[in-house]
Amino acid sequence: TVNVLPMQTLAIDLDTDNPGQWLAHCHNAYHG
């Protein structure tokens, strides 16, 4: 979980080692 600031561009790297369908979302419950 990472905070992306207003008007910020932020990159993340990951290894795809866990197959399936995975949600990506804002963890503000109301925004999600």
Full PDB file with SEQRES, HELIX, SHEET, SSBOND, CRYST1, ORIGX, SCALE, CONECT and MASTER records, all heavy atoms in Angstrom:
SEQRES   1 A   32  THR VAL ASN VAL LEU PRO MET GLN THR LEU ALA ILE ASP          
SEQRES   2 A   32  LEU ASP THR ASP ASN PRO GLY GLN TRP LEU ALA HIS CYS          
SEQRES   3 A   32  HIS ASN ALA TYR HIS GLY                                      
CRYST1    1.000    1.000    1.000  90.00  90.00  90.00 P 1           1          
ORIGX1      1.000000  0.000000  0.000000        0.00000                         
ORIGX2      0.000000  1.000000  0.000000        0.00000                         
ORIGX3      0.000000  0.000000  1.000000        0.00000                         
SCALE1      1.000000  0.000000  0.000000        0.00000                         
SCALE2      0.000000  1.000000  0.000000        0.00000                         
SCALE3      0.000000  0.000000  1.000000        0.00000                         
ATOM      1  N   THR A   1       0.868  -1.173   0.000  1.00  0.00           N  
ATOM      2  CA  THR A   1       0.000   0.000   0.000  1.00  0.00           C  
ATOM      3  C   THR A   1       0.903   1.221   0.000  1.00  0.00           C  
ATOM      4  O   THR A   1       1.819   1.312   0.821  1.00  0.00           O  
ATOM      5  CB  THR A   1      -0.908   0.026   1.239  1.00  0.00           C  
ATOM      6  OG1 THR A   1      -1.590  -1.238   1.364  1.00  0.00           O  
ATOM      7  CG2 THR A   1      -1.938   1.145   1.155  1.00  0.00           C  
ATOM      8  N   VAL A   2       0.647   2.163  -0.907  1.00  0.00           N  
ATOM      9  CA  VAL A   2       1.530   3.325  -1.012  1.00  0.00           C  
ATOM     10  C   VAL A   2       0.691   4.576  -1.234  1.00  0.00           C  
ATOM     11  O   VAL A   2      -0.280   4.568  -1.998  1.00  0.00           O  
ATOM     12  CB  VAL A   2       2.559   3.133  -2.153  1.00  0.00           C  
ATOM     13  CG1 VAL A   2       1.883   3.063  -3.515  1.00  0.00           C  
ATOM     14  CG2 VAL A   2       3.636   4.202  -2.125  1.00  0.00           C  
ATOM     15  N   ASN A   3       1.054   5.658  -0.563  1.00  0.00           N  
ATOM     16  CA  ASN A   3       0.342   6.925  -0.700  1.00  0.00           C  
ATOM     17  C   ASN A   3       0.840   7.648  -1.955  1.00  0.00           C  
ATOM     18  O   ASN A   3       2.015   7.986  -2.061  1.00  0.00           O  
ATOM     19  CB  ASN A   3       0.586   7.816   0.523  1.00  0.00           C  
ATOM     20  CG  ASN A   3       0.045   7.203   1.790  1.00  0.00           C  
ATOM     21  OD1 ASN A   3      -1.011   6.575   1.796  1.00  0.00           O  
ATOM     22  ND2 ASN A   3       0.770   7.372   2.892  1.00  0.00           N  
ATOM     23  N   VAL A   4      -0.081   7.888  -2.885  1.00  0.00           N  
ATOM     24  CA  VAL A   4       0.232   8.657  -4.083  1.00  0.00           C  
ATOM     25  C   VAL A   4      -0.312  10.061  -3.858  1.00  0.00           C  
ATOM     26  O   VAL A   4      -1.520  10.259  -3.713  1.00  0.00           O  
ATOM     27  CB  VAL A   4      -0.381   8.023  -5.338  1.00  0.00           C  
ATOM     28  CG1 VAL A   4       0.090   8.765  -6.589  1.00  0.00           C  
ATOM     29  CG2 VAL A   4       0.005   6.544  -5.440  1.00  0.00           C  
ATOM     30  N   LEU A   5       0.579  11.044  -3.812  1.00  0.00           N  
ATOM     31  CA  LEU A   5       0.225  12.397  -3.402  1.00  0.00           C  
ATOM     32  C   LEU A   5      -0.504  13.153  -4.511  1.00  0.00           C  
ATOM     33  O   LEU A   5      -0.459  12.755  -5.681  1.00  0.00           O  
ATOM     34  CB  LEU A   5       1.482  13.151  -2.987  1.00  0.00           C  
ATOM     35  CG  LEU A   5       2.313  12.522  -1.870  1.00  0.00           C  
ATOM     36  CD1 LEU A   5       3.513  13.388  -1.553  1.00  0.00           C  
ATOM     37  CD2 LEU A   5       1.474  12.275  -0.627  1.00  0.00           C  
ATOM     38  N   PRO A   6      -1.167  14.261  -4.167  1.00  0.00           N  
ATOM     39  CA  PRO A   6      -1.848  15.057  -5.183  1.00  0.00           C  
ATOM     40  C   PRO A   6      -0.908  15.463  -6.317  1.00  0.00           C  
ATOM     41  O   PRO A   6       0.198  15.951  -6.071  1.00  0.00           O  
ATOM     42  CB  PRO A   6      -2.338  16.283  -4.409  1.00  0.00           C  
ATOM     43  CG  PRO A   6      -2.453  15.816  -2.997  1.00  0.00           C  
ATOM     44  CD  PRO A   6      -1.359  14.818  -2.809  1.00  0.00           C  
ATOM     45  N   MET A   7      -1.341  15.216  -7.551  1.00  0.00           N  
ATOM     46  CA  MET A   7      -0.604  15.582  -8.766  1.00  0.00           C  
ATOM     47  C   MET A   7       0.776  14.915  -8.843  1.00  0.00           C  
ATOM     48  O   MET A   7       1.628  15.346  -9.618  1.00  0.00           O  
ATOM     49  CB  MET A   7      -0.459  17.107  -8.876  1.00  0.00           C  
ATOM     50  CG  MET A   7      -1.783  17.855  -8.812  1.00  0.00           C  
ATOM     51  SD  MET A   7      -3.019  17.278 -10.009  1.00  0.00           S  
ATOM     52  CE  MET A   7      -2.297  17.805 -11.544  1.00  0.00           C  
ATOM     53  N   GLN A   8       0.985  13.852  -8.081  1.00  0.00           N  
ATOM     54  CA  GLN A   8       2.265  13.141  -8.090  1.00  0.00           C  
ATOM     55  C   GLN A   8       2.230  11.989  -9.079  1.00  0.00           C  
ATOM     56  O   GLN A   8       1.186  11.355  -9.293  1.00  0.00           O  
ATOM     57  CB  GLN A   8       2.574  12.578  -6.698  1.00  0.00           C  
ATOM     58  CG  GLN A   8       3.906  11.810  -6.612  1.00  0.00           C  
ATOM     59  CD  GLN A   8       4.075  11.052  -5.301  1.00  0.00           C  
ATOM     60  OE1 GLN A   8       3.116  10.480  -4.786  1.00  0.00           O  
ATOM     61  NE2 GLN A   8       5.275  11.060  -4.760  1.00  0.00           N  
ATOM     62  N   THR A   9       3.385  11.687  -9.680  1.00  0.00           N  
ATOM     63  CA  THR A   9       3.575  10.465 -10.445  1.00  0.00           C  
ATOM     64  C   THR A   9       4.523   9.572  -9.670  1.00  0.00           C  
ATOM     65  O   THR A   9       5.605  10.003  -9.259  1.00  0.00           O  
ATOM     66  CB  THR A   9       4.153  10.767 -11.838  1.00  0.00           C  
ATOM     67  OG1 THR A   9       3.211  11.542 -12.579  1.00  0.00           O  
ATOM     68  CG2 THR A   9       4.430   9.485 -12.605  1.00  0.00           C  
ATOM     69  N   LEU A  10       4.107   8.342  -9.438  1.00  0.00           N  
ATOM     70  CA  LEU A  10       4.881   7.400  -8.627  1.00  0.00           C  
ATOM     71  C   LEU A  10       4.837   6.047  -9.315  1.00  0.00           C  
ATOM     72  O   LEU A  10       3.771   5.603  -9.754  1.00  0.00           O  
ATOM     73  CB  LEU A  10       4.308   7.320  -7.214  1.00  0.00           C  
ATOM     74  CG  LEU A  10       5.016   6.422  -6.193  1.00  0.00           C  
ATOM     75  CD1 LEU A  10       4.910   7.035  -4.791  1.00  0.00           C  
ATOM     76  CD2 LEU A  10       4.401   5.021  -6.179  1.00  0.00           C  
ATOM     77  N   ALA A  11       5.993   5.379  -9.401  1.00  0.00           N  
ATOM     78  CA  ALA A  11       6.079   4.078 -10.065  1.00  0.00           C  
ATOM     79  C   ALA A  11       6.427   2.992  -9.071  1.00  0.00           C  
ATOM     80  O   ALA A  11       7.170   3.220  -8.107  1.00  0.00           O  
ATOM     81  CB  ALA A  11       7.116   4.120 -11.187  1.00  0.00           C  
ATOM     82  N   ILE A  12       5.895   1.802  -9.320  1.00  0.00           N  
ATOM     83  CA  ILE A  12       6.193   0.632  -8.489  1.00  0.00           C  
ATOM     84  C   ILE A  12       6.589  -0.520  -9.397  1.00  0.00           C  
ATOM     85  O   ILE A  12       6.125  -0.622 -10.532  1.00  0.00           O  
ATOM     86  CB  ILE A  12       4.986   0.228  -7.622  1.00  0.00           C  
ATOM     87  CG1 ILE A  12       3.770  -0.111  -8.486  1.00  0.00           C  
ATOM     88  CG2 ILE A  12       4.643   1.337  -6.625  1.00  0.00           C  
ATOM     89  CD1 ILE A  12       2.573  -0.664  -7.714  1.00  0.00           C  
ATOM     90  N   ASP A  13       7.489  -1.364  -8.895  1.00  0.00           N  
ATOM     91  CA  ASP A  13       7.907  -2.573  -9.608  1.00  0.00           C  
ATOM     92  C   ASP A  13       7.457  -3.793  -8.824  1.00  0.00           C  
ATOM     93  O   ASP A  13       7.527  -3.814  -7.580  1.00  0.00           O  
ATOM     94  CB  ASP A  13       9.426  -2.618  -9.753  1.00  0.00           C  
ATOM     95  CG  ASP A  13       9.941  -1.740 -10.883  1.00  0.00           C  
ATOM     96  OD1 ASP A  13       9.112  -1.158 -11.608  1.00  0.00           O  
ATOM     97  OD2 ASP A  13      11.172  -1.636 -11.034  1.00  0.00           O  
ATOM     98  N   LEU A  14       7.019  -4.821  -9.535  1.00  0.00           N  
ATOM     99  CA  LEU A  14       6.627  -6.071  -8.886  1.00  0.00           C  
ATOM    100  C   LEU A  14       6.964  -7.236  -9.781  1.00  0.00           C  
ATOM    101  O   LEU A  14       7.112  -7.089 -11.004  1.00  0.00           O  
ATOM    102  CB  LEU A  14       5.131  -6.060  -8.562  1.00  0.00           C  
ATOM    103  CG  LEU A  14       4.177  -5.973  -9.756  1.00  0.00           C  
ATOM    104  CD1 LEU A  14       3.470  -7.302  -9.985  1.00  0.00           C  
ATOM    105  CD2 LEU A  14       3.164  -4.871  -9.566  1.00  0.00           C  
ATOM    106  N   ASP A  15       7.098  -8.400  -9.171  1.00  0.00           N  
ATOM    107  CA  ASP A  15       7.320  -9.637  -9.910  1.00  0.00           C  
ATOM    108  C   ASP A  15       6.015 -10.418  -9.957  1.00  0.00           C  
ATOM    109  O   ASP A  15       5.358 -10.618  -8.927  1.00  0.00           O  
ATOM    110  CB  ASP A  15       8.408 -10.482  -9.241  1.00  0.00           C  
ATOM    111  CG  ASP A  15       9.787  -9.869  -9.388  1.00  0.00           C  
ATOM    112  OD1 ASP A  15      10.016  -9.145 -10.376  1.00  0.00           O  
ATOM    113  OD2 ASP A  15      10.643 -10.099  -8.505  1.00  0.00           O  
ATOM    114  N   THR A  16       5.633 -10.853 -11.145  1.00  0.00           N  
ATOM    115  CA  THR A  16       4.375 -11.582 -11.308  1.00  0.00           C  
ATOM    116  C   THR A  16       4.611 -13.065 -11.019  1.00  0.00           C  
ATOM    117  O   THR A  16       4.872 -13.858 -11.913  1.00  0.00           O  
ATOM    118  CB  THR A  16       3.816 -11.379 -12.716  1.00  0.00           C  
ATOM    119  OG1 THR A  16       4.828 -11.694 -13.686  1.00  0.00           O  
ATOM    120  CG2 THR A  16       3.370  -9.942 -12.917  1.00  0.00           C  
ATOM    121  N   ASP A  17       4.513 -13.390  -9.739  1.00  0.00           N  
ATOM    122  CA  ASP A  17       4.809 -14.745  -9.278  1.00  0.00           C  
ATOM    123  C   ASP A  17       3.648 -15.376  -8.518  1.00  0.00           C  
ATOM    124  O   ASP A  17       3.830 -16.366  -7.822  1.00  0.00           O  
ATOM    125  CB  ASP A  17       6.059 -14.735  -8.397  1.00  0.00           C  
ATOM    126  CG  ASP A  17       5.951 -13.765  -7.232  1.00  0.00           C  
ATOM    127  OD1 ASP A  17       4.867 -13.180  -7.029  1.00  0.00           O  
ATOM    128  OD2 ASP A  17       6.957 -13.574  -6.514  1.00  0.00           O  
ATOM    129  N   ASN A  18       2.439 -14.802  -8.661  1.00  0.00           N  
ATOM    130  CA  ASN A  18       1.285 -15.299  -7.911  1.00  0.00           C  
ATOM    131  C   ASN A  18       0.047 -15.215  -8.804  1.00  0.00           C  
ATOM    132  O   ASN A  18      -0.716 -14.263  -8.734  1.00  0.00           O  
ATOM    133  CB  ASN A  18       1.095 -14.473  -6.634  1.00  0.00           C  
ATOM    134  CG  ASN A  18       0.198 -15.158  -5.621  1.00  0.00           C  
ATOM    135  OD1 ASN A  18      -0.083 -16.357  -5.722  1.00  0.00           O  
ATOM    136  ND2 ASN A  18      -0.274 -14.411  -4.644  1.00  0.00           N  
ATOM    137  N   PRO A  19      -0.180 -16.219  -9.648  1.00  0.00           N  
ATOM    138  CA  PRO A  19      -1.214 -16.108 -10.682  1.00  0.00           C  
ATOM    139  C   PRO A  19      -2.626 -15.995 -10.116  1.00  0.00           C  
ATOM    140  O   PRO A  19      -2.931 -16.481  -9.026  1.00  0.00           O  
ATOM    141  CB  PRO A  19      -1.041 -17.402 -11.487  1.00  0.00           C  
ATOM    142  CG  PRO A  19      -0.355 -18.351 -10.565  1.00  0.00           C  
ATOM    143  CD  PRO A  19       0.531 -17.504  -9.708  1.00  0.00           C  
ATOM    144  N   GLY A  20      -3.464 -15.322 -10.895  1.00  0.00           N  
ATOM    145  CA  GLY A  20      -4.860 -15.163 -10.517  1.00  0.00           C  
ATOM    146  C   GLY A  20      -5.393 -13.813 -10.937  1.00  0.00           C  
ATOM    147  O   GLY A  20      -4.846 -13.157 -11.829  1.00  0.00           O  
ATOM    148  N   GLN A  21      -6.472 -13.407 -10.294  1.00  0.00           N  
ATOM    149  CA  GLN A  21      -7.118 -12.121 -10.535  1.00  0.00           C  
ATOM    150  C   GLN A  21      -6.992 -11.287  -9.262  1.00  0.00           C  
ATOM    151  O   GLN A  21      -7.465 -11.712  -8.197  1.00  0.00           O  
ATOM    152  CB  GLN A  21      -8.591 -12.332 -10.900  1.00  0.00           C  
ATOM    153  CG  GLN A  21      -8.801 -13.215 -12.123  1.00  0.00           C  
ATOM    154  CD  GLN A  21      -8.181 -12.621 -13.372  1.00  0.00           C  
ATOM    155  OE1 GLN A  21      -8.527 -11.509 -13.763  1.00  0.00           O  
ATOM    156  NE2 GLN A  21      -7.274 -13.354 -14.008  1.00  0.00           N  
ATOM    157  N   TRP A  22      -6.387 -10.113  -9.354  1.00  0.00           N  
ATOM    158  CA  TRP A  22      -6.031  -9.367  -8.152  1.00  0.00           C  
ATOM    159  C   TRP A  22      -6.541  -7.931  -8.231  1.00  0.00           C  
ATOM    160  O   TRP A  22      -6.236  -7.213  -9.179  1.00  0.00           O  
ATOM    161  CB  TRP A  22      -4.514  -9.360  -7.966  1.00  0.00           C  
ATOM    162  CG  TRP A  22      -3.943 -10.736  -7.833  1.00  0.00           C  
ATOM    163  CD1 TRP A  22      -3.271 -11.448  -8.778  1.00  0.00           C  
ATOM    164  CD2 TRP A  22      -4.010 -11.582  -6.675  1.00  0.00           C  
ATOM    165  NE1 TRP A  22      -2.899 -12.672  -8.280  1.00  0.00           N  
ATOM    166  CE2 TRP A  22      -3.345 -12.785  -6.988  1.00  0.00           C  
ATOM    167  CE3 TRP A  22      -4.554 -11.426  -5.400  1.00  0.00           C  
ATOM    168  CZ2 TRP A  22      -3.218 -13.839  -6.085  1.00  0.00           C  
ATOM    169  CZ3 TRP A  22      -4.427 -12.474  -4.490  1.00  0.00           C  
ATOM    170  CH2 TRP A  22      -3.773 -13.654  -4.836  1.00  0.00           C  
ATOM    171  N   LEU A  23      -7.269  -7.515  -7.219  1.00  0.00           N  
ATOM    172  CA  LEU A  23      -7.794  -6.161  -7.171  1.00  0.00           C  
ATOM    173  C   LEU A  23      -6.668  -5.162  -6.922  1.00  0.00           C  
ATOM    174  O   LEU A  23      -5.750  -5.411  -6.145  1.00  0.00           O  
ATOM    175  CB  LEU A  23      -8.837  -6.052  -6.059  1.00  0.00           C  
ATOM    176  CG  LEU A  23      -9.886  -4.937  -6.194  1.00  0.00           C  
ATOM    177  CD1 LEU A  23     -10.772  -5.196  -7.397  1.00  0.00           C  
ATOM    178  CD2 LEU A  23     -10.722  -4.836  -4.922  1.00  0.00           C  
ATOM    179  N   ALA A  24      -6.749  -4.011  -7.587  1.00  0.00           N  
ATOM    180  CA  ALA A  24      -5.888  -2.854  -7.321  1.00  0.00           C  
ATOM    181  C   ALA A  24      -6.823  -1.678  -7.101  1.00  0.00           C  
ATOM    182  O   ALA A  24      -7.698  -1.420  -7.929  1.00  0.00           O  
ATOM    183  CB  ALA A  24      -4.948  -2.588  -8.492  1.00  0.00           C  
ATOM    184  N   HIS A  25      -6.643  -0.972  -5.977  1.00  0.00           N  
ATOM    185  CA  HIS A  25      -7.645   0.044  -5.646  1.00  0.00           C  
ATOM    186  C   HIS A  25      -7.129   1.042  -4.635  1.00  0.00           C  
ATOM    187  O   HIS A  25      -6.120   0.819  -3.956  1.00  0.00           O  
ATOM    188  CB  HIS A  25      -8.909  -0.633  -5.090  1.00  0.00           C  
ATOM    189  CG  HIS A  25      -8.709  -1.341  -3.785  1.00  0.00           C  
ATOM    190  ND1 HIS A  25      -9.095  -0.810  -2.578  1.00  0.00           N  
ATOM    191  CD2 HIS A  25      -8.163  -2.550  -3.485  1.00  0.00           C  
ATOM    192  CE1 HIS A  25      -8.810  -1.662  -1.604  1.00  0.00           C  
ATOM    193  NE2 HIS A  25      -8.235  -2.721  -2.126  1.00  0.00           N  
ATOM    194  N   CYS A  26      -7.848   2.152  -4.530  1.00  0.00           N  
ATOM    195  CA  CYS A  26      -7.603   3.114  -3.466  1.00  0.00           C  
ATOM    196  C   CYS A  26      -8.173   2.565  -2.178  1.00  0.00           C  
ATOM    197  O   CYS A  26      -9.323   2.099  -2.139  1.00  0.00           O  
ATOM    198  CB  CYS A  26      -8.250   4.450  -3.818  1.00  0.00           C  
ATOM    199  SG  CYS A  26      -8.099   5.695  -2.505  1.00  0.00           S  
ATOM    200  N   HIS A  27      -7.384   2.641  -1.083  1.00  0.00           N  
ATOM    201  CA  HIS A  27      -7.853   2.088   0.185  1.00  0.00           C  
ATOM    202  C   HIS A  27      -8.630   3.100   1.023  1.00  0.00           C  
ATOM    203  O   HIS A  27      -8.934   2.841   2.181  1.00  0.00           O  
ATOM    204  CB  HIS A  27      -6.709   1.489   1.001  1.00  0.00           C  
ATOM    205  CG  HIS A  27      -7.112   0.215   1.685  1.00  0.00           C  
ATOM    206  ND1 HIS A  27      -7.724   0.187   2.916  1.00  0.00           N  
ATOM    207  CD2 HIS A  27      -7.039  -1.067   1.276  1.00  0.00           C  
ATOM    208  CE1 HIS A  27      -7.980  -1.060   3.261  1.00  0.00           C  
ATOM    209  NE2 HIS A  27      -7.581  -1.844   2.271  1.00  0.00           N  
ATOM    210  N   ASN A  28      -8.958   4.257   0.439  1.00  0.00           N  
ATOM    211  CA  ASN A  28     -10.051   5.046   0.995  1.00  0.00           C  
ATOM    212  C   ASN A  28     -11.318   4.287   0.631  1.00  0.00           C  
ATOM    213  O   ASN A  28     -11.648   4.131  -0.557  1.00  0.00           O  
ATOM    214  CB  ASN A  28     -10.062   6.448   0.383  1.00  0.00           C  
ATOM    215  CG  ASN A  28     -11.150   7.328   0.956  1.00  0.00           C  
ATOM    216  OD1 ASN A  28     -12.310   6.945   1.021  1.00  0.00           O  
ATOM    217  ND2 ASN A  28     -10.778   8.538   1.349  1.00  0.00           N  
ATOM    218  N   ALA A  29     -12.038   3.754   1.630  1.00  0.00           N  
ATOM    219  CA  ALA A  29     -13.161   2.861   1.362  1.00  0.00           C  
ATOM    220  C   ALA A  29     -14.201   3.504   0.461  1.00  0.00           C  
ATOM    221  O   ALA A  29     -14.817   2.827  -0.379  1.00  0.00           O  
ATOM    222  CB  ALA A  29     -13.797   2.428   2.684  1.00  0.00           C  
ATOM    223  N   TYR A  30     -14.402   4.812   0.617  1.00  0.00           N  
ATOM    224  CA  TYR A  30     -15.434   5.502  -0.148  1.00  0.00           C  
ATOM    225  C   TYR A  30     -14.989   5.760  -1.582  1.00  0.00           C  
ATOM    226  O   TYR A  30     -15.785   5.655  -2.520  1.00  0.00           O  
ATOM    227  CB  TYR A  30     -15.842   6.782   0.580  1.00  0.00           C  
ATOM    228  CG  TYR A  30     -16.440   6.441   1.922  1.00  0.00           C  
ATOM    229  CD1 TYR A  30     -15.665   6.451   3.080  1.00  0.00           C  
ATOM    230  CD2 TYR A  30     -17.758   6.036   2.029  1.00  0.00           C  
ATOM    231  CE1 TYR A  30     -16.196   6.079   4.306  1.00  0.00           C  
ATOM    232  CE2 TYR A  30     -18.304   5.671   3.248  1.00  0.00           C  
ATOM    233  CZ  TYR A  30     -17.511   5.685   4.385  1.00  0.00           C  
ATOM    234  OH  TYR A  30     -18.051   5.298   5.589  1.00  0.00           O  
ATOM    235  N   HIS A  31     -13.718   6.066  -1.783  1.00  0.00           N  
ATOM    236  CA  HIS A  31     -13.215   6.221  -3.139  1.00  0.00           C  
ATOM    237  C   HIS A  31     -13.295   4.889  -3.895  1.00  0.00           C  
ATOM    238  O   HIS A  31     -13.666   4.854  -5.079  1.00  0.00           O  
ATOM    239  CB  HIS A  31     -11.770   6.703  -3.126  1.00  0.00           C  
ATOM    240  CG  HIS A  31     -11.611   8.094  -2.608  1.00  0.00           C  
ATOM    241  ND1 HIS A  31     -10.372   8.709  -2.506  1.00  0.00           N  
ATOM    242  CD2 HIS A  31     -12.506   9.005  -2.157  1.00  0.00           C  
ATOM    243  CE1 HIS A  31     -10.533   9.922  -2.017  1.00  0.00           C  
ATOM    244  NE2 HIS A  31     -11.820  10.124  -1.799  1.00  0.00           N  
ATOM    245  N   GLY A  32     -12.932   3.805  -3.219  1.00  0.00           N  
ATOM    246  CA  GLY A  32     -13.008   2.501  -3.868  1.00  0.00           C  
ATOM    247  C   GLY A  32     -14.423   2.154  -4.286  1.00  0.00           C  
ATOM    248  O   GLY A  32     -14.675   1.734  -5.421  1.00  0.00           O  
TER     249      GLY A  32                                                      
MASTER        0    0    0    0    0    0    0    6  248    1    0    3          
END                                                                             
